[in-house]
Amino acid sequence: MPLTVVLVGTRKGCFILESDADRRDWKMRGPYCEGWPIYHAVHDADSGAIYAAAASEWFRTQLVSVLQPATRSLRSSHPEQR
């Protein structure tokens, strides 16, 4: 069954919401890049990677890799979500 994925950028980080095709039950993962305001997030369908545009007054604007499918590495401070 197809998977529906919604990427949500907030002041607290990037969240990933996943559901099946019916979209009745949702699973939320995150925050990734915790503490960073995320203004835009995209999913690269070819590689499966997720990239996010983050900005802070201290570190300025950065493009961060939230998920790299080859290593399945995630930028999260929550060990259960890695």
C-alpha atoms as a PDB file:
ATOM      1  CA  MET A   1       0.000   0.000   0.000  1.00  0.00           C
ATOM      2  CA  PRO A   2       1.347   3.503  -0.797  1.00  0.00           C
ATOM      3  CA  LEU A   3       2.722   5.598   2.025  1.00  0.00           C
ATOM      4  CA  THR A   4       1.759   9.239   2.497  1.00  0.00           C
ATOM      5  CA  VAL A   5       4.501  11.404   3.996  1.00  0.00           C
ATOM      6  CA  VAL A   6       4.135  14.997   5.176  1.00  0.00           C
ATOM      7  CA  LEU A   7       7.208  17.019   6.189  1.00  0.00           C
ATOM      8  CA  VAL A   8       6.474  19.759   8.718  1.00  0.00           C
ATOM      9  CA  GLY A   9       8.925  22.530   9.532  1.00  0.00           C
ATOM     10  CA  THR A  10       8.445  24.379  12.828  1.00  0.00           C
ATOM     11  CA  ARG A  11      10.444  26.599  15.170  1.00  0.00           C
ATOM     12  CA  LYS A  12      11.257  23.439  17.142  1.00  0.00           C
ATOM     13  CA  GLY A  13      12.608  21.370  14.238  1.00  0.00           C
ATOM     14  CA  CYS A  14      11.462  19.104  11.421  1.00  0.00           C
ATOM     15  CA  PHE A  15       8.724  16.522  11.955  1.00  0.00           C
ATOM     16  CA  ILE A  16       7.839  13.602   9.678  1.00  0.00           C
ATOM     17  CA  LEU A  17       4.221  12.450   9.574  1.00  0.00           C
ATOM     18  CA  GLU A  18       3.469   9.118   7.878  1.00  0.00           C
ATOM     19  CA  SER A  19       0.212   7.377   7.027  1.00  0.00           C
ATOM     20  CA  ASP A  20      -1.122   4.695   4.740  1.00  0.00           C
ATOM     21  CA  ALA A  21      -3.232   5.532   1.696  1.00  0.00           C
ATOM     22  CA  ASP A  22      -6.419   5.835   3.794  1.00  0.00           C
ATOM     23  CA  ARG A  23      -4.832   8.603   5.923  1.00  0.00           C
ATOM     24  CA  ARG A  24      -6.850   7.628   8.985  1.00  0.00           C
ATOM     25  CA  ASP A  25      -3.974   6.917  11.374  1.00  0.00           C
ATOM     26  CA  TRP A  26      -0.784   8.969  11.427  1.00  0.00           C
ATOM     27  CA  LYS A  27       2.608   8.265  12.954  1.00  0.00           C
ATOM     28  CA  MET A  28       4.786  11.229  13.908  1.00  0.00           C
ATOM     29  CA  ARG A  29       8.584  11.180  14.133  1.00  0.00           C
ATOM     30  CA  GLY A  30      10.737  14.036  15.299  1.00  0.00           C
ATOM     31  CA  PRO A  31      11.786  16.605  16.038  1.00  0.00           C
ATOM     32  CA  TYR A  32      14.828  16.329  13.809  1.00  0.00           C
ATOM     33  CA  CYS A  33      17.324  19.181  13.897  1.00  0.00           C
ATOM     34  CA  GLU A  34      15.810  19.894  17.293  1.00  0.00           C
ATOM     35  CA  GLY A  35      15.872  23.525  18.319  1.00  0.00           C
ATOM     36  CA  TRP A  36      16.457  24.778  14.779  1.00  0.00           C
ATOM     37  CA  PRO A  37      13.705  26.742  13.039  1.00  0.00           C
ATOM     38  CA  ILE A  38      12.952  24.756   9.871  1.00  0.00           C
ATOM     39  CA  TYR A  39      11.531  26.865   7.054  1.00  0.00           C
ATOM     40  CA  HIS A  40      11.417  24.318   4.248  1.00  0.00           C
ATOM     41  CA  ALA A  41      11.860  20.547   3.914  1.00  0.00           C
ATOM     42  CA  VAL A  42      11.962  18.393   0.787  1.00  0.00           C
ATOM     43  CA  HIS A  43      12.129  14.691   0.023  1.00  0.00           C
ATOM     44  CA  ASP A  44      14.443  13.481  -2.740  1.00  0.00           C
ATOM     45  CA  ALA A  45      12.498  10.644  -4.356  1.00  0.00           C
ATOM     46  CA  ASP A  46      15.564   9.289  -6.162  1.00  0.00           C
ATOM     47  CA  SER A  47      17.753   8.808  -3.085  1.00  0.00           C
ATOM     48  CA  GLY A  48      15.140   8.830  -0.323  1.00  0.00           C
ATOM     49  CA  ALA A  49      17.003  11.615   1.499  1.00  0.00           C
ATOM     50  CA  ILE A  50      15.244  14.437   3.321  1.00  0.00           C
ATOM     51  CA  TYR A  51      16.787  17.904   3.308  1.00  0.00           C
ATOM     52  CA  ALA A  52      15.712  20.902   5.352  1.00  0.00           C
ATOM     53  CA  ALA A  53      16.472  24.619   5.270  1.00  0.00           C
ATOM     54  CA  ALA A  54      17.243  25.758   8.797  1.00  0.00           C
ATOM     55  CA  ALA A  55      18.087  29.199  10.095  1.00  0.00           C
ATOM     56  CA  SER A  56      19.148  30.653  13.397  1.00  0.00           C
ATOM     57  CA  GLU A  57      20.423  34.028  14.490  1.00  0.00           C
ATOM     58  CA  TRP A  58      23.610  32.385  15.747  1.00  0.00           C
ATOM     59  CA  PHE A  59      24.463  29.898  12.969  1.00  0.00           C
ATOM     60  CA  ARG A  60      22.731  31.687  10.054  1.00  0.00           C
ATOM     61  CA  THR A  61      21.012  29.802   7.249  1.00  0.00           C
ATOM     62  CA  GLN A  62      22.028  26.182   6.608  1.00  0.00           C
ATOM     63  CA  LEU A  63      20.902  23.271   4.480  1.00  0.00           C
ATOM     64  CA  VAL A  64      20.850  20.170   6.654  1.00  0.00           C
ATOM     65  CA  SER A  65      20.354  16.543   5.800  1.00  0.00           C
ATOM     66  CA  VAL A  66      17.630  15.175   8.049  1.00  0.00           C
ATOM     67  CA  LEU A  67      17.649  11.598   6.730  1.00  0.00           C
ATOM     68  CA  GLN A  68      20.239   9.775   4.626  1.00  0.00           C
ATOM     69  CA  PRO A  69      18.800   6.408   3.529  1.00  0.00           C
ATOM     70  CA  ALA A  70      22.165   4.784   2.790  1.00  0.00           C
ATOM     71  CA  THR A  71      23.192   4.993   6.435  1.00  0.00           C
ATOM     72  CA  ARG A  72      19.673   5.536   7.838  1.00  0.00           C
ATOM     73  CA  SER A  73      21.209   8.314   9.927  1.00  0.00           C
ATOM     74  CA  LEU A  74      18.891  10.890  11.421  1.00  0.00           C
ATOM     75  CA  ARG A  75      19.662  14.208  13.078  1.00  0.00           C
ATOM     76  CA  SER A  76      17.627  13.743  16.232  1.00  0.00           C
ATOM     77  CA  SER A  77      18.389  14.090  19.909  1.00  0.00           C
ATOM     78  CA  HIS A  78      15.907  11.295  20.635  1.00  0.00           C
ATOM     79  CA  PRO A  79      17.785   7.932  20.501  1.00  0.00           C
ATOM     80  CA  GLU A  80      14.593   5.936  19.931  1.00  0.00           C
ATOM     81  CA  GLN A  81      14.043   7.765  16.642  1.00  0.00           C
ATOM     82  CA  ARG A  82      17.475   7.125  15.135  1.00  0.00           C
END
